[in-house]
Amino acid sequence: MQNIQGKRYALICSGLTLGLLGVMVLAINLGAVHLKPAWILKIILNTLSGRDLFAGEWKPQMVSIVWNLRLPKVIAAAFIGASLSLSGIFMQALTRNPLADPFLLGVSSGASTGAVSAILLGGLPFIRYFPLHLGAFTGAVIAGTLVFMFSDERGSISTSRLVLTGMAVSAIFSALTNLLIFVTPDTHKINSAVFWMIGSLAGITWKHLPAVAIVFSAGLGVGFLIHRSLDILLTGEERALTLGVDLKAMRRVLIVTSALLAGVAVSISGVIGFVGLVIPHISRMVFGPVHRRLIGPACLLGAAFMVMADMLARMLAKPEEMPAGIITALAGAPFFLHLLRKGMCTFGD
């Protein structure tokens, strides 16, 4: 029976992988300029090999559209969705709350302050120049670090204290962001800052991919290394202590890893809400709470969801580009309200 379940699980994961690849091809294909799906693979293989393996049936500018514009953006969307989903899994395990998400640590608010500071002031305080993405990542890490510091009480971090500290830090950074917008006279810069805060994948290039790919790969490795401890953590702290789980070390690993995953994703895309809440929860409902079987499908679903959200954002507002954060919020918020209505929220400490 276990063998059959294993085969079924492998079949589902294979199907999700093929589905993700199909959605990515569709996202590259759709846009203001029409492309045939067969051209996409041929253009990619020609560019990777540096030779004309396939005869060019397309116009020369289409190579630039596929390779320089659409492909890096679609790959980034997949990594961002997977990173936020993995971060959400860690946060829900840490708090034993199915309604927790990556931004519980104030990461989004910290990233917003860093990014808005870079856009409006040209850098962070005391630093003359700071690129937007580096500013967002720095703000996210500072917020996560503050939450970690103030949640630690004599070497112990309780989940309720973590949540309350995250709310306070998030409020502080949100106030700082609003203050920066309020005192800036340049309306063009303010519009750029607000557009970024809504969450957009516009302007992503190949240079943005290494960071999110490396951090996601590291986070995925951490998830599979500690999957048994995550399972035990869901059963309660007393049982976890009885079974030999080092709660202090586990909490630190989960907090740091979640902050890095969400921080890097947010630094590239802006604030994308609900992905880290909805996708892990749906995955847990379908695949169960065992993290060894949960992590892979959740990351694949998160990647596909983010690619589809960005694709819809482009298609609904052609020739302009709607921020993808609007799509994720419109899809995720009703589901969040459904969970609240069903009372699917349990806090343990």
Foldseek 3Di string as FASTA:
>chain_A
DVVVVVVVLVVVLVVLVVVLVVLLLVLLQDAPDHDDSVVLVQLVVCVVVVHNPDDDPDDPVSSCSNAWPRNLLLVLLLLLQLLQQLLLLLLCLLFVWLQDGLLLLLLQLQLLLQLLCCLQQQGDPPDNHDDNLRRSLVRLVVSLVQLVVQQQDPLDGHSVSSNVSSVVSNVVSNVSSVVSLVPGPDVVSSVVSVQQQLWAQPPDGPVLPPQSVVLSVVSVVVCLVCLVLSVQSSVDDVSSVVVPHPSSVSSVVSSVSSSSSNSSSCSNTHDAPQSNNPLLSVLCVVQNDRSNSRSSSSSSVSSSVSSVLQSCQPVVDPPDGHHSSVSNCVVRVVVSVVCVVVVRTDGDD
